[in-house]
Amino acid sequence: MTQYLKTVLAILALSSLQLSAWAQNDWPKAKPVTLVVAFAPGASTDIVARSLTQKLSEITGGNFIVDNKGGAGGNIASALVKRSTADGYTLLVHSVAFAVNPSLYADAGYDALKDFLPVALGPKTPNIFTVNPSVAAKTLPELVEAAKKTPFNYASSGIGTTTHLSMERLKTAAKIDIVHVPYQPAAAINAVVAGHTQIASTSMPPAVPMIKAGKLKALAVTSATRSPLLPDVPSITEFGYKEFDDYTWFGFFVPVGTPPDVVNKLNAAINRAMASSDVVERFAQLGMSSSPNSVAEFGTFLKSEVPKWAGVVKSSGAKAD
């Protein structure tokens, strides 16, 4: 009987391995692939995900869908994907907040370097400082001088986002005090357009259409050089702030334990999708750009970003809870 049980268990184990191998080889056609977006519809992260889903479906023959799980600065989505089955059918689409949150929150619910596998680095975009047209300042230096005399507040895409931290860095460097009003990413620009705050510090995608429509004035981008999309908007470094080169980036992640061949297939598909001419054009219209990158390259990048932003969080004193 003992030998019989051993034989049965061996057959079951072999069957399980065969089924697992079949599932991996069949990816992504067994069921829809869900891109869990860490923020609400309309946010920059959501725009990135939705710009790629159709292309990913065309490239792989699978069905890619978006599921927005906003809240807690993206931690709700991260926790959800962390607990999901590691089979390549559930991806986390997040912003640079993925690297920031573990140092920003007392308990973000995940370890950015241990609980997930980096799949691909998506596009990135400089942050941008804009103001409501009612604000008299036409340049960043004029705004700084005005802020020394007049109470202002500013909207960001949330506590601990790079949009928040970029403005806090400016406040420290310029020795000014502007009150922070955090919003959900998709709502921050609308708050400034409506006049609820005078200033916004956001990523470029939600701001560019409003700037072109004349509903916002752009004062500076936070990258070291100007953005090709808004060549008339100065870089913050042109005003003497030499330590700035801040970007909001977007990335794709899967739970640790996801089969390497599936991760590599995902990486190849995402890179191909981002290289499509219409996607490149779509990103460019929003001030974003991407470049091909491997799983290993994104992993190396992430290992530098986590400690970098931990240092900024510490120096700024930012806390989310």
Protein backbone atom coordinates (compact mmCIF):
# COMPACT_ATOMS: atom_id res chain seq x y z
CA MET A 1 0.00 0.00 0.00
CA THR A 2 2.86 2.33 0.84
CA GLN A 3 4.42 1.82 -2.59
CA TYR A 4 1.02 2.30 -4.22
CA LEU A 5 0.50 5.64 -2.45
CA LYS A 6 3.97 6.75 -3.45
CA THR A 7 3.19 5.92 -7.08
CA VAL A 8 -0.11 7.82 -6.97
CA LEU A 9 1.51 10.87 -5.40
CA ALA A 10 4.26 10.80 -8.00
CA ILE A 11 1.70 10.72 -10.82
CA LEU A 12 -0.24 13.58 -9.26
CA ALA A 13 2.92 15.63 -8.87
CA LEU A 14 3.90 15.00 -12.48
CA SER A 15 0.41 15.95 -13.65
CA SER A 16 0.60 19.15 -11.65
CA LEU A 17 3.93 20.06 -13.22
CA GLN A 18 2.57 19.32 -16.68
CA LEU A 19 -0.50 21.49 -16.06
CA SER A 20 1.71 24.29 -14.74
CA ALA A 21 3.97 24.06 -17.77
CA TRP A 22 0.95 24.03 -20.07
CA ALA A 23 -0.45 27.13 -18.36
CA GLN A 24 2.86 28.94 -18.76
CA ASN A 25 3.21 27.96 -22.41
CA ASP A 26 -0.39 28.94 -23.10
CA TRP A 27 -0.04 32.39 -21.55
CA PRO A 28 -1.90 34.68 -22.10
CA LYS A 29 -4.77 32.82 -23.76
CA ALA A 30 -6.18 30.84 -20.83
CA LYS A 31 -8.06 33.86 -19.41
CA PRO A 32 -8.03 37.69 -19.49
CA VAL A 33 -4.91 39.44 -18.23
CA THR A 34 -5.88 42.10 -15.72
CA LEU A 35 -3.86 45.30 -15.44
CA VAL A 36 -4.59 46.51 -11.92
CA VAL A 37 -4.08 50.27 -12.04
CA ALA A 38 -3.09 51.83 -8.73
CA PHE A 39 -5.07 55.04 -9.29
CA ALA A 40 -8.48 56.20 -10.44
CA PRO A 41 -9.61 56.55 -14.07
CA GLY A 42 -8.12 59.63 -15.71
CA ALA A 43 -4.90 59.58 -13.66
CA SER A 44 -1.61 59.43 -15.53
CA THR A 45 -1.08 55.80 -14.54
CA ASP A 46 -4.51 54.95 -15.92
CA ILE A 47 -3.72 56.76 -19.19
CA VAL A 48 -0.55 54.69 -19.59
CA ALA A 49 -2.34 51.39 -18.98
CA ARG A 50 -5.23 52.15 -21.33
CA SER A 51 -2.86 53.33 -24.05
CA LEU A 52 -1.29 49.87 -24.15
CA THR A 53 -4.08 47.34 -23.59
CA GLN A 54 -5.24 47.05 -27.19
CA LYS A 55 -1.67 46.79 -28.47
CA LEU A 56 -0.87 44.10 -25.90
CA SER A 57 -3.90 42.12 -27.02
CA GLU A 58 -2.86 42.42 -30.66
CA ILE A 59 0.75 41.44 -29.96
CA THR A 60 0.06 38.44 -27.71
CA GLY A 61 -3.34 37.23 -28.89
CA GLY A 62 -4.63 37.50 -25.33
CA ASN A 63 -7.27 39.70 -23.76
CA PHE A 64 -5.92 42.56 -21.64
CA ILE A 65 -8.29 44.55 -19.42
CA VAL A 66 -7.88 47.45 -16.97
CA ASP A 67 -9.15 47.35 -13.40
CA ASN A 68 -8.75 50.58 -11.39
CA LYS A 69 -8.11 50.02 -7.68
CA GLY A 70 -7.26 53.49 -6.41
CA GLY A 71 -6.77 54.42 -2.77
CA ALA A 72 -4.07 54.83 -0.11
CA GLY A 73 -1.64 56.30 -2.61
CA GLY A 74 -1.67 53.11 -4.66
CA ASN A 75 -1.18 50.74 -1.71
CA ILE A 76 -4.59 49.11 -2.13
CA ALA A 77 -3.71 47.96 -5.64
CA SER A 78 -0.24 46.87 -4.55
CA ALA A 79 -1.64 44.73 -1.72
CA LEU A 80 -4.21 43.21 -4.06
CA VAL A 81 -1.66 42.19 -6.67
CA LYS A 82 0.79 41.01 -4.02
CA ARG A 83 -1.82 38.47 -2.88
CA SER A 84 -2.84 37.41 -6.40
CA THR A 85 -1.84 34.17 -8.10
CA ALA A 86 1.66 34.48 -9.55
CA ASP A 87 0.76 33.26 -13.03
CA GLY A 88 1.14 36.37 -15.20
CA TYR A 89 -2.58 37.07 -15.40
CA THR A 90 -2.54 39.89 -12.85
CA LEU A 91 -0.19 42.86 -13.34
CA LEU A 92 0.26 45.94 -11.21
CA VAL A 93 0.52 49.21 -13.13
CA HIS A 94 1.91 51.84 -10.79
CA SER A 95 3.74 55.13 -10.78
CA VAL A 96 6.97 56.13 -9.06
CA ALA A 97 4.85 56.09 -5.88
CA PHE A 98 5.52 52.34 -5.88
CA ALA A 99 9.12 53.14 -4.92
CA VAL A 100 8.19 55.99 -2.56
CA ASN A 101 5.41 54.48 -0.46
CA PRO A 102 7.40 51.96 1.59
CA SER A 103 9.31 54.86 3.18
CA LEU A 104 6.34 57.23 3.23
CA TYR A 105 3.87 54.99 5.07
CA ALA A 106 4.40 53.37 8.44
CA ASP A 107 3.12 50.20 6.80
CA ALA A 108 2.63 50.34 3.04
CA GLY A 109 1.74 46.65 3.04
CA TYR A 110 4.54 45.57 0.72
CA ASP A 111 8.25 45.58 0.12
CA ALA A 112 9.01 47.08 -3.29
CA LEU A 113 12.10 44.92 -3.80
CA LYS A 114 10.97 41.63 -2.24
CA ASP A 115 7.25 41.18 -2.93
CA PHE A 116 7.19 41.95 -6.65
CA LEU A 117 9.12 41.24 -9.80
CA PRO A 118 9.78 44.26 -12.03
CA VAL A 119 8.51 43.54 -15.54
CA ALA A 120 9.09 46.70 -17.58
CA LEU A 121 9.67 50.40 -17.07
CA GLY A 122 6.99 52.37 -18.88
CA PRO A 123 7.12 56.00 -19.96
CA LYS A 124 8.30 58.84 -17.77
CA THR A 125 7.41 62.50 -17.61
CA PRO A 126 8.81 65.57 -15.85
CA ASN A 127 6.67 67.12 -13.18
CA ILE A 128 5.38 70.61 -13.92
CA PHE A 129 4.45 73.68 -11.88
CA THR A 130 1.35 75.48 -13.13
CA VAL A 131 -0.90 78.25 -11.82
CA ASN A 132 -4.46 79.41 -12.30
CA PRO A 133 -4.62 82.27 -14.85
CA SER A 134 -5.82 84.58 -12.06
CA VAL A 135 -2.35 84.42 -10.47
CA ALA A 136 -0.38 87.46 -11.59
CA ALA A 137 3.00 85.69 -11.64
CA LYS A 138 4.19 84.83 -15.13
CA THR A 139 7.46 83.13 -14.19
CA LEU A 140 8.67 80.88 -11.40
CA PRO A 141 10.82 83.63 -9.82
CA GLU A 142 7.78 85.94 -9.81
CA LEU A 143 5.74 83.24 -8.08
CA VAL A 144 8.45 82.75 -5.47
CA GLU A 145 8.53 86.48 -4.74
CA ALA A 146 4.74 86.62 -4.56
CA ALA A 147 4.66 83.64 -2.19
CA LYS A 148 6.83 85.56 0.26
CA LYS A 149 4.08 88.16 0.58
CA THR A 150 0.83 86.36 -0.22
CA PRO A 151 -0.60 83.11 1.21
CA PHE A 152 -0.81 80.48 -1.51
CA ASN A 153 -1.76 76.84 -1.57
CA TYR A 154 -0.92 74.16 -4.08
CA ALA A 155 -2.49 70.94 -5.29
CA SER A 156 -0.43 67.82 -5.84
CA SER A 157 -1.24 64.30 -6.92
CA GLY A 158 -1.11 63.11 -3.31
CA ILE A 159 1.08 62.98 -0.23
CA GLY A 160 4.47 61.48 -1.00
CA THR A 161 4.12 61.55 -4.76
CA THR A 162 7.06 63.04 -6.62
CA THR A 163 4.76 65.94 -7.52
CA HIS A 164 4.40 66.68 -3.80
CA LEU A 165 8.09 66.13 -3.08
CA SER A 166 9.20 68.31 -6.01
CA MET A 167 7.27 71.30 -4.66
CA GLU A 168 8.52 70.66 -1.13
CA ARG A 169 12.06 70.70 -2.47
CA LEU A 170 11.35 74.03 -4.20
CA LYS A 171 9.88 75.46 -0.99
CA THR A 172 13.01 74.50 0.93
CA ALA A 173 15.39 75.85 -1.72
CA ALA A 174 13.45 79.12 -2.18
CA LYS A 175 12.66 79.56 1.53
CA ILE A 176 8.93 79.99 0.97
CA ASP A 177 5.86 78.50 2.59
CA ILE A 178 3.01 77.30 0.37
CA VAL A 179 0.29 75.14 1.92
CA HIS A 180 -0.02 71.66 0.47
CA VAL A 181 -3.47 70.36 -0.51
CA PRO A 182 -3.24 66.72 -1.64
CA TYR A 183 -5.71 65.37 -4.19
CA GLN A 184 -6.25 62.17 -6.08
CA PRO A 185 -4.06 62.43 -9.22
CA ALA A 186 -6.94 62.95 -11.63
CA ALA A 187 -8.45 65.69 -9.45
CA ALA A 188 -5.39 67.85 -8.74
CA ILE A 189 -5.40 69.71 -12.06
CA ASN A 190 -9.16 70.27 -11.90
CA ALA A 191 -8.74 71.86 -8.47
CA VAL A 192 -6.41 74.51 -9.88
CA VAL A 193 -8.51 75.10 -13.00
CA ALA A 194 -11.52 75.65 -10.73
CA GLY A 195 -9.54 78.03 -8.51
CA HIS A 196 -9.70 75.89 -5.37
CA THR A 197 -5.91 76.21 -5.20
CA GLN A 198 -3.72 78.77 -6.95
CA ILE A 199 -0.85 76.43 -7.85
CA ALA A 200 -0.43 72.85 -9.03
CA SER A 201 2.53 70.50 -8.95
CA THR A 202 1.62 67.52 -11.12
CA SER A 203 2.95 65.24 -13.81
CA MET A 204 2.55 66.52 -17.35
CA PRO A 205 -0.20 64.31 -18.83
CA PRO A 206 -3.20 65.89 -17.07
CA ALA A 207 -1.69 69.38 -17.25
CA VAL A 208 -0.76 69.66 -20.93
CA PRO A 209 -4.33 69.78 -22.34
CA MET A 210 -5.29 72.47 -19.80
CA ILE A 211 -2.18 74.51 -20.62
CA LYS A 212 -2.88 74.33 -24.35
CA ALA A 213 -6.51 75.30 -23.72
CA GLY A 214 -5.39 78.40 -21.78
CA LYS A 215 -6.90 77.17 -18.52
CA LEU A 216 -3.51 77.01 -16.78
CA LYS A 217 -0.22 78.89 -16.97
CA ALA A 218 2.92 76.73 -17.01
CA LEU A 219 5.89 78.12 -15.06
CA ALA A 220 8.52 75.37 -15.05
CA VAL A 221 9.18 71.68 -15.57
CA THR A 222 11.17 69.83 -12.91
CA SER A 223 13.58 68.05 -15.26
CA ALA A 224 17.10 69.28 -15.89
CA THR A 225 16.17 70.22 -19.46
CA ARG A 226 13.04 71.52 -21.15
CA SER A 227 10.36 69.18 -22.41
CA PRO A 228 10.12 68.94 -26.22
CA LEU A 229 6.34 69.03 -25.86
CA LEU A 230 6.42 72.46 -24.17
CA PRO A 231 9.66 74.00 -25.43
CA ASP A 232 8.64 77.47 -24.27
CA VAL A 233 8.33 76.36 -20.64
CA PRO A 234 11.64 76.74 -18.80
CA SER A 235 13.33 73.98 -16.86
CA ILE A 236 13.59 74.70 -13.14
CA THR A 237 17.37 74.48 -13.47
CA GLU A 238 17.30 77.63 -15.61
CA PHE A 239 16.31 79.55 -12.48
CA GLY A 240 19.29 78.34 -10.49
CA TYR A 241 17.82 75.23 -8.85
CA LYS A 242 20.60 72.90 -9.92
CA GLU A 243 19.72 69.75 -7.96
CA PHE A 244 16.44 69.08 -9.75
CA ASP A 245 15.82 66.32 -12.27
CA ASP A 246 12.55 64.89 -11.00
CA TYR A 247 10.35 62.61 -13.04
CA THR A 248 7.15 60.70 -12.60
CA TRP A 249 7.67 57.26 -14.10
CA PHE A 250 5.34 54.34 -14.62
CA GLY A 251 6.05 50.65 -14.31
CA PHE A 252 4.65 47.14 -14.61
CA PHE A 253 5.02 44.55 -11.85
CA VAL A 254 3.92 41.00 -11.06
CA PRO A 255 3.90 39.06 -7.77
CA VAL A 256 7.12 37.34 -6.81
CA GLY A 257 7.01 33.73 -7.97
CA THR A 258 5.67 34.49 -11.43
CA PRO A 259 7.41 32.13 -13.91
CA PRO A 260 10.44 33.79 -15.56
CA ASP A 261 9.30 32.88 -19.09
CA VAL A 262 5.99 34.66 -18.50
CA VAL A 263 7.79 37.72 -17.10
CA ASN A 264 10.03 37.83 -20.17
CA LYS A 265 7.04 37.48 -22.51
CA LEU A 266 5.34 40.35 -20.71
CA ASN A 267 8.45 42.49 -20.96
CA ALA A 268 8.77 41.84 -24.70
CA ALA A 269 5.09 42.57 -25.32
CA ILE A 270 5.13 45.82 -23.31
CA ASN A 271 8.27 47.03 -25.08
CA ARG A 272 6.74 46.27 -28.48
CA ALA A 273 3.52 48.05 -27.53
CA MET A 274 5.38 51.14 -26.34
CA ALA A 275 7.36 51.23 -29.59
CA SER A 276 4.19 51.36 -31.72
CA SER A 277 4.02 54.64 -33.62
CA ASP A 278 0.57 55.58 -32.37
CA VAL A 279 1.53 54.85 -28.75
CA VAL A 280 4.74 56.88 -29.12
CA GLU A 281 2.67 59.75 -30.51
CA ARG A 282 0.09 59.42 -27.75
CA PHE A 283 2.77 59.53 -25.07
CA ALA A 284 4.52 62.47 -26.75
CA GLN A 285 1.28 64.46 -26.79
CA LEU A 286 1.19 64.07 -23.03
CA GLY A 287 4.83 64.90 -22.42
CA MET A 288 5.88 61.30 -21.82
CA SER A 289 8.58 59.24 -23.46
CA SER A 290 9.73 55.63 -23.17
CA SER A 291 12.70 53.56 -24.22
CA PRO A 292 13.20 49.79 -24.52
CA ASN A 293 14.35 48.10 -21.33
CA SER A 294 14.90 44.56 -20.11
CA VAL A 295 13.63 42.96 -16.92
CA ALA A 296 17.16 43.20 -15.49
CA GLU A 297 17.53 46.86 -16.45
CA PHE A 298 14.26 47.80 -14.81
CA GLY A 299 15.29 45.85 -11.72
CA THR A 300 18.55 47.78 -11.49
CA PHE A 301 16.70 51.07 -11.94
CA LEU A 302 14.21 50.18 -9.21
CA LYS A 303 17.00 49.30 -6.78
CA SER A 304 18.32 52.86 -7.17
CA GLU A 305 14.93 54.58 -7.01
CA VAL A 306 13.77 53.07 -3.71
CA PRO A 307 16.66 54.46 -1.61
CA LYS A 308 16.74 57.72 -3.59
CA TRP A 309 13.15 58.61 -2.74
CA ALA A 310 13.50 57.28 0.80
CA GLY A 311 16.14 59.96 1.28
CA VAL A 312 13.89 62.68 -0.12
CA VAL A 313 10.98 61.55 2.08
CA LYS A 314 13.21 61.67 5.15
CA SER A 315 14.64 65.10 4.38
CA SER A 316 11.22 66.59 3.60
CA GLY A 317 9.56 65.10 6.65
CA ALA A 318 6.67 63.85 4.53
CA LYS A 319 4.37 61.30 6.17
CA ALA A 320 1.22 59.71 4.88
CA ASP A 321 -0.11 58.38 8.17
